[in-house]
Protein backbone atom coordinates (compact mmCIF):
# COMPACT_ATOMS: atom_id res chain seq x y z
CA MET A 1 -38.21 107.76 178.12
CA THR A 2 -38.01 104.44 177.04
CA VAL A 3 -37.66 101.21 179.38
CA ARG A 4 -33.78 100.82 179.16
CA GLN A 5 -33.43 104.42 179.87
CA ARG A 6 -35.69 104.11 182.90
CA ILE A 7 -33.55 101.10 183.99
CA ILE A 8 -30.53 102.87 183.24
CA LEU A 9 -31.66 105.90 185.44
CA LEU A 10 -32.80 103.64 188.12
CA ILE A 11 -29.00 102.19 188.42
CA ALA A 12 -27.31 105.51 187.91
CA LEU A 13 -29.52 107.03 190.82
CA ALA A 14 -28.64 103.93 193.09
CA PHE A 15 -24.82 104.48 192.20
CA ALA A 16 -25.20 107.90 192.80
CA ALA A 17 -27.05 107.35 196.22
CA LEU A 18 -24.47 104.86 197.40
CA GLY A 19 -21.74 107.03 196.57
CA GLY A 20 -23.04 110.03 198.17
CA ILE A 21 -23.70 108.06 201.20
CA GLY A 22 -20.08 106.46 201.19
CA GLY A 23 -18.57 109.77 200.41
CA PHE A 24 -20.31 111.45 203.16
CA ALA A 25 -19.47 108.64 205.62
CA LEU A 26 -15.95 108.65 204.63
CA TYR A 27 -15.72 112.87 204.89
CA GLN A 28 -17.48 112.73 208.37
CA SER A 29 -15.11 109.74 209.35
CA GLN A 30 -12.15 111.76 208.39
CA LYS A 31 -13.61 114.73 210.07
CA GLY A 32 -14.16 112.78 213.40
CA ALA A 33 -10.79 111.43 213.38
CA ARG A 34 -9.14 114.76 212.95
CA GLU A 35 -11.31 116.05 215.94
CA VAL A 36 -10.60 112.87 218.23
CA LYS A 37 -6.84 113.37 217.34
CA SER A 38 -7.29 117.01 218.24
CA VAL A 39 -8.59 116.33 221.65
CA THR A 40 -6.41 113.24 222.27
CA GLU A 41 -3.08 114.92 221.29
CA GLY A 42 -4.07 118.30 221.72
CA VAL A 43 -6.24 119.43 224.20
CA VAL A 44 -5.93 116.49 226.74
CA PRO A 45 -2.35 116.56 227.01
CA SER A 46 -2.29 120.41 227.48
CA THR A 47 -4.88 119.84 230.11
CA ILE A 48 -2.35 117.37 231.93
CA GLN A 49 0.29 119.59 231.33
CA SER A 50 -1.50 122.36 232.97
CA VAL A 51 -2.23 120.48 236.13
CA GLU A 52 1.89 119.80 236.15
CA LEU A 53 2.57 123.35 236.34
CA ALA A 54 1.53 123.51 239.96
CA GLY A 55 3.93 120.65 240.83
CA GLN A 56 6.86 122.48 239.13
CA LEU A 57 5.77 125.74 240.78
CA LYS A 58 5.80 123.73 244.20
CA ASP A 59 9.38 122.27 243.34
CA ILE A 60 10.64 126.05 243.00
CA GLN A 61 9.28 127.21 246.28
CA ILE A 62 10.87 123.78 247.98
CA ALA A 63 14.10 124.78 246.19
CA THR A 64 13.93 128.29 247.34
CA LEU A 65 13.60 127.40 250.84
CA SER A 66 16.44 125.02 250.56
CA MET A 67 18.70 127.99 249.12
CA VAL A 68 17.47 130.43 252.16
CA ALA A 69 18.24 127.56 254.65
CA ALA A 70 21.36 126.28 253.19
CA PRO A 71 24.32 126.21 255.98
CA ASP A 72 26.95 127.75 253.43
CA LYS A 73 27.50 129.84 250.37
CA GLU A 74 28.30 127.01 248.03
CA THR A 75 24.90 125.04 248.91
CA ALA A 76 23.36 128.29 248.34
CA GLN A 77 24.94 129.09 245.11
CA ARG A 78 24.12 125.14 243.78
CA ALA A 79 20.48 125.84 244.96
CA HIS A 80 20.10 129.02 243.14
CA GLU A 81 21.43 127.34 239.98
CA GLU A 82 18.90 124.67 240.17
CA LEU A 83 16.32 127.51 240.45
CA SER A 84 17.66 128.81 237.34
CA ALA A 85 17.26 125.57 235.49
CA ARG A 86 13.61 125.09 237.10
CA LYS A 87 12.94 128.56 235.88
CA ALA A 88 13.75 127.72 232.52
CA GLY A 89 11.72 124.50 232.59
CA LEU A 90 8.73 126.48 233.91
CA GLN A 91 8.75 129.22 231.48
CA LYS A 92 9.06 126.64 228.58
CA ALA A 93 6.19 125.03 229.90
CA LEU A 94 4.17 128.15 229.96
CA GLN A 95 5.50 128.92 226.30
CA ALA A 96 3.88 125.71 225.20
CA GLN A 97 0.77 126.07 227.35
CA ARG A 98 0.38 129.63 225.23
CA GLU A 99 0.97 127.92 221.98
CA GLN A 100 -1.63 125.26 222.66
CA ALA A 101 -4.21 127.98 223.94
CA ASP A 102 -7.22 127.59 221.92
CA SER A 103 -8.97 130.79 223.39
CA ALA A 104 -8.45 134.36 223.97
CA ALA A 105 -9.05 133.69 227.56
CA GLN A 106 -6.46 130.98 227.74
CA ARG A 107 -3.77 133.00 225.93
CA GLY A 108 -4.41 136.18 228.48
CA LEU A 109 -4.01 134.24 231.49
CA ILE A 110 -0.95 132.41 230.40
CA GLN A 111 0.44 135.89 229.10
CA GLU A 112 -0.26 136.89 232.90
CA ALA A 113 1.28 134.05 234.18
CA GLN A 114 4.42 134.64 232.35
CA ALA A 115 4.82 138.07 233.67
CA SER A 116 3.88 136.97 237.32
CA LEU A 117 6.70 134.40 237.07
CA ASP A 118 9.33 137.03 235.76
CA ASN A 119 8.31 139.04 238.90
CA TYR A 120 8.57 135.95 241.11
CA PHE A 121 12.08 135.04 239.92
CA ALA A 122 12.91 138.42 240.07
CA ALA A 123 12.29 138.43 243.66
CA ILE A 124 13.73 135.11 244.20
CA ASP A 125 17.30 136.42 242.51
CA ASP A 126 16.89 139.26 245.06
CA THR A 127 16.73 136.93 247.92
CA ALA A 128 19.67 134.96 246.59
CA ARG A 129 21.89 138.10 246.40
CA PHE A 130 21.17 138.63 249.77
CA LYS A 131 21.77 135.32 250.72
CA LEU A 132 25.16 134.79 248.86
CA ALA A 133 26.25 138.14 250.41
CA GLY A 134 25.95 136.46 254.02
CA GLN A 135 22.80 138.62 254.71
CA GLN A 136 20.40 136.01 256.17
CA GLU A 137 17.86 138.11 257.77
CA ALA A 138 17.57 140.53 254.87
CA ALA A 139 16.93 137.35 252.48
CA GLU A 140 14.47 135.89 254.78
CA ALA A 141 12.46 139.11 255.06
CA ILE A 142 12.57 139.53 251.18
CA MET A 143 11.21 136.09 250.98
CA ALA A 144 8.42 136.90 253.04
CA ALA A 145 7.52 139.92 251.72
CA THR A 146 7.90 139.46 248.11
CA VAL A 147 8.64 135.95 246.99
CA ASP A 148 5.67 134.64 248.90
CA GLN A 149 3.40 137.27 247.50
CA TYR A 150 4.46 136.58 243.93
CA LEU A 151 4.13 132.83 244.63
CA ARG A 152 0.45 133.13 245.81
CA GLU A 153 0.02 135.37 242.74
CA GLN A 154 1.71 132.74 240.37
CA GLY A 155 -0.47 129.70 242.01
CA GLN A 156 -3.83 131.84 241.42
CA MET A 157 -2.44 132.55 237.70
CA LEU A 158 -1.57 128.49 237.18
CA GLU A 159 -5.05 127.64 239.02
CA ALA A 160 -6.92 129.99 236.53
CA VAL A 161 -5.23 128.47 233.59
CA GLN A 162 -6.17 124.95 234.58
CA VAL A 163 -9.68 125.78 234.91
CA GLU A 164 -9.52 127.04 231.55
CA LYS A 165 -8.15 124.32 230.20
CA ARG A 166 -10.34 121.97 231.72
CA ARG A 167 -13.29 123.91 230.39
CA SER A 168 -11.83 123.84 226.74
CA LYS A 169 -11.39 120.20 227.47
CA ASP A 170 -14.97 119.45 228.38
CA GLN A 171 -16.09 121.54 225.52
CA ALA A 172 -14.04 119.85 223.18
CA ILE A 173 -15.05 116.31 224.20
CA GLU A 174 -18.93 117.53 224.39
CA ALA A 175 -18.46 118.80 220.88
CA LEU A 176 -16.86 115.64 219.54
CA ASN A 177 -19.78 113.45 221.21
CA GLN A 178 -22.17 115.91 219.44
CA ASN A 179 -20.47 115.78 216.11
CA LEU A 180 -20.92 112.12 216.24
CA THR A 181 -24.16 112.07 217.42
CA ASP A 182 -25.05 114.50 214.28
CA THR A 183 -23.11 112.55 212.04
CA SER A 184 -24.93 109.14 213.04
CA ALA A 185 -28.41 110.86 212.56
CA THR A 186 -27.45 112.45 209.29
CA LEU A 187 -26.10 109.20 207.81
CA ALA A 188 -29.56 107.83 209.02
CA VAL A 189 -31.40 110.28 207.40
CA VAL A 190 -29.60 110.32 204.03
CA THR A 191 -29.86 106.43 203.96
CA VAL A 192 -33.63 106.44 204.72
CA VAL A 193 -34.01 109.23 202.01
CA SER A 194 -31.89 107.44 199.48
CA VAL A 195 -33.88 104.16 200.32
CA LEU A 196 -37.22 105.84 199.96
CA GLY A 197 -36.28 107.67 196.96
CA LEU A 198 -34.71 104.47 195.36
CA ALA A 199 -38.18 102.68 196.36
CA PHE A 200 -40.18 105.41 194.57
CA ILE A 201 -38.32 105.05 191.69
CA GLY A 202 -38.97 101.17 191.68
CA TYR A 203 -42.71 101.76 192.28
CA LEU A 204 -42.71 103.91 189.34
CA LEU A 205 -40.82 101.29 187.31
CA HIS A 206 -43.15 98.61 188.51
CA ARG A 207 -46.18 100.46 187.54
CA GLN A 208 -44.81 101.49 184.15
CA ILE A 209 -43.20 97.75 183.36
CA VAL A 210 -44.66 95.09 185.44
CA HIS A 211 -48.37 96.24 185.70
CA PRO A 212 -48.72 96.76 181.97
CA ILE A 213 -47.42 93.40 181.15
CA GLY A 214 -49.68 91.87 183.77
CA GLU A 215 -52.36 93.68 182.08
CA MET A 216 -51.70 92.37 178.75
CA GLU A 217 -51.18 88.78 180.58
CA ALA A 218 -54.84 89.24 181.93
CA LYS A 219 -56.00 90.06 178.66
CA MET A 220 -54.59 87.17 176.86
CA THR A 221 -56.04 84.94 179.82
CA ALA A 222 -59.48 86.53 179.31
CA ILE A 223 -59.25 85.86 175.39
CA ALA A 224 -58.19 82.14 175.84
CA THR A 225 -60.83 81.59 178.08
CA SER A 226 -63.56 83.55 176.67
CA GLN A 227 -62.44 83.22 172.92
CA ASP A 228 -63.67 87.02 172.66
CA PHE A 229 -60.91 88.42 170.02
CA THR A 230 -62.81 91.80 170.21
CA LEU A 231 -60.78 92.47 173.46
CA ARG A 232 -58.12 94.92 173.13
CA VAL A 233 -55.15 96.22 175.91
CA PRO A 234 -55.37 100.21 175.82
CA VAL A 235 -51.83 101.84 174.56
CA THR A 236 -51.09 104.96 176.19
CA ARG A 237 -47.03 104.93 175.85
CA GLN A 238 -44.52 104.78 173.09
CA ASP A 239 -41.75 102.89 174.63
CA GLU A 240 -40.90 99.18 174.38
CA ILE A 241 -43.97 98.31 176.51
CA GLY A 242 -46.28 100.32 174.14
CA ARG A 243 -44.58 98.80 171.18
CA SER A 244 -45.72 95.33 172.61
CA LEU A 245 -48.83 96.00 173.55
CA MET A 246 -49.53 97.40 169.99
CA ALA A 247 -47.75 94.31 168.81
CA PHE A 248 -50.33 92.31 170.70
CA ASN A 249 -53.33 94.08 169.94
CA THR A 250 -52.32 93.75 166.29
CA MET A 251 -51.87 89.86 166.55
CA VAL A 252 -55.32 89.54 168.34
CA GLU A 253 -56.88 91.55 165.79
CA LYS A 254 -55.55 88.96 162.99
CA ILE A 255 -56.78 86.29 165.02
CA GLN A 256 -59.89 87.91 165.22
CA GLN A 257 -59.91 88.30 161.45
CA SER A 258 -59.01 84.63 160.89
CA SER A 259 -61.43 83.11 163.34
CA GLU A 260 -64.21 85.40 161.49
CA LEU A 261 -63.07 84.11 157.89
CA VAL A 262 -62.93 80.24 159.49
CA ARG A 263 -66.29 80.93 160.99
CA GLN A 264 -67.45 82.31 157.55
CA LYS A 265 -66.17 79.37 155.77
CA SER A 266 -67.75 76.79 158.27
CA ALA A 267 -71.14 78.53 157.79
CA ASP A 268 -70.75 78.30 153.91
CA ILE A 269 -69.49 74.48 154.36
CA GLN A 270 -72.51 74.00 156.66
CA ALA A 271 -74.96 75.50 154.38
CA MET A 272 -73.69 73.48 151.48
CA LEU A 273 -73.94 70.29 153.30
CA HIS A 274 -77.56 71.02 154.10
CA TYR A 275 -78.61 72.18 150.65
CA ILE A 276 -76.54 70.21 148.28
CA PRO A 277 -78.83 67.08 146.84
CA GLN A 278 -75.68 65.04 147.01
CA GLY A 279 -74.66 62.66 149.50
CA ILE A 280 -71.39 63.94 150.79
CA LEU A 281 -69.29 62.84 153.76
CA THR A 282 -65.94 62.96 155.42
CA LEU A 283 -63.81 59.98 156.61
CA GLN A 284 -61.83 59.96 159.76
CA PRO A 285 -58.89 57.78 160.25
CA GLY A 286 -59.93 54.07 160.78
CA GLY A 287 -62.40 54.46 158.10
CA ARG A 288 -65.25 56.19 160.56
CA ILE A 289 -67.49 58.94 159.03
CA HIS A 290 -67.01 62.59 160.73
CA PRO A 291 -70.04 63.89 162.37
CA GLU A 292 -70.32 66.66 159.58
CA PHE A 293 -72.13 65.10 156.63
CA SER A 294 -74.70 66.42 153.93
CA GLU A 295 -78.72 66.29 154.94
CA HIS A 296 -79.00 64.29 151.54
CA LEU A 297 -76.73 61.56 152.74
CA ALA A 298 -79.02 60.97 155.68
CA THR A 299 -81.88 61.08 153.41
CA LEU A 300 -80.58 58.47 151.07
CA LEU A 301 -79.36 56.17 153.85
CA GLY A 302 -82.66 56.69 155.57
CA THR A 303 -80.78 57.14 159.13
CA ARG A 304 -78.97 60.02 160.89
CA ASP A 305 -77.15 57.49 162.72
CA ILE A 306 -73.99 57.81 160.80
CA ALA A 307 -71.43 59.92 162.63
CA GLY A 308 -68.88 57.80 164.09
CA GLN A 309 -69.75 54.63 161.93
CA ARG A 310 -67.75 52.64 159.73
CA VAL A 311 -68.51 53.58 156.09
CA ALA A 312 -68.79 49.97 154.78
CA ASP A 313 -71.33 49.28 157.55
CA VAL A 314 -73.37 52.11 156.75
CA VAL A 315 -73.39 52.37 153.07
CA PHE A 316 -73.86 48.43 152.83
CA ALA A 317 -76.30 48.13 155.29
CA GLY A 318 -79.47 46.13 154.32
CA ALA A 319 -77.91 45.07 150.99
CA GLY A 320 -78.13 41.30 152.36
CA LEU A 321 -74.52 40.73 151.36
CA GLY A 322 -73.03 38.00 153.13
CA PRO A 323 -69.26 37.16 153.32
CA THR A 324 -67.87 36.35 150.19
CA PRO A 325 -67.39 32.64 149.93
CA ARG A 326 -63.56 31.31 149.36
CA THR A 327 -63.12 29.71 145.83
CA ARG A 328 -61.25 26.50 145.41
CA PRO A 329 -59.16 26.17 142.73
CA TRP A 330 -59.94 24.07 139.61
CA PRO A 331 -58.08 20.79 138.90
CA PRO A 332 -55.61 21.31 136.04
CA SER A 333 -57.64 19.15 133.51
CA THR A 334 -60.61 21.69 134.44
CA ARG A 335 -59.13 24.78 133.87
CA ALA A 336 -57.62 23.52 130.45
CA SER A 337 -61.00 22.55 129.51
CA ALA A 338 -62.60 26.02 130.53
CA ARG A 339 -59.94 27.78 128.33
CA THR A 340 -60.70 25.52 125.32
CA ARG A 341 -64.56 26.40 125.33
């Protein structure tokens, strides 16, 4: 796998990790939102409505007492009609509770409460018939014997429904909190695993890219410092880094060959300068003699103090030649006579 492919793989894995974390977080947030909506718009309102059932039942009880205690038939008739309306409202509320039930226990309790409610209102209707017929004592007797009994039974049923609703609400809230906790923990674990995975891949890339380049840099520094061109960087791969290392080794090999060639040529020149019976020297800028000169030149000049000296001072030293005197121009007549001689 080439370096480019490794880098592309790292980028792809990074995007995949970020996409996975983001997708999972989005999924969990939507799931949590649905659960919160279910609790806030379903379980909690249903629990509150179950508590209101007891209030509706109490209102029916008060209306029943008012009907039995009505002073005339018309008042009793209006009270009975009001009871019919309250009956429809309570039945509707129980039906809503049944539709919102989230367990078999709740549905069973509400079904029993509906059956008990039918018996309760049947007893109220019997009481109303005796009341409207003017049989006050019979109405009071039926109310005491049957209506109160069904009232207590209905109250117990509604209380049991409230208990189940509260239990369902507590369980839903607990499940919601647990889901949020699990989501946070899962996101933390996924994030940590993704970061560790990317860090591991980055470490591998560091070892496969930065480490070989650093090794090559160290070898270059060692070669530059020691001038040892026999050093080589080991090549264990065939990607861009491996080809760069091979090119570096080839360059060092060429430099080594050139260095050996220059060293051989220098040795040949030194040998020539040492054994050739001629005075050979090399001039530097300014007319000064280069430190490399033939041995025979030192013999000819009688000194080895030659390097760095001016060539004229060394070659003509001891010749007894002073500065050339300045000649004065002849008079015209003299020049003419000299030409005629």
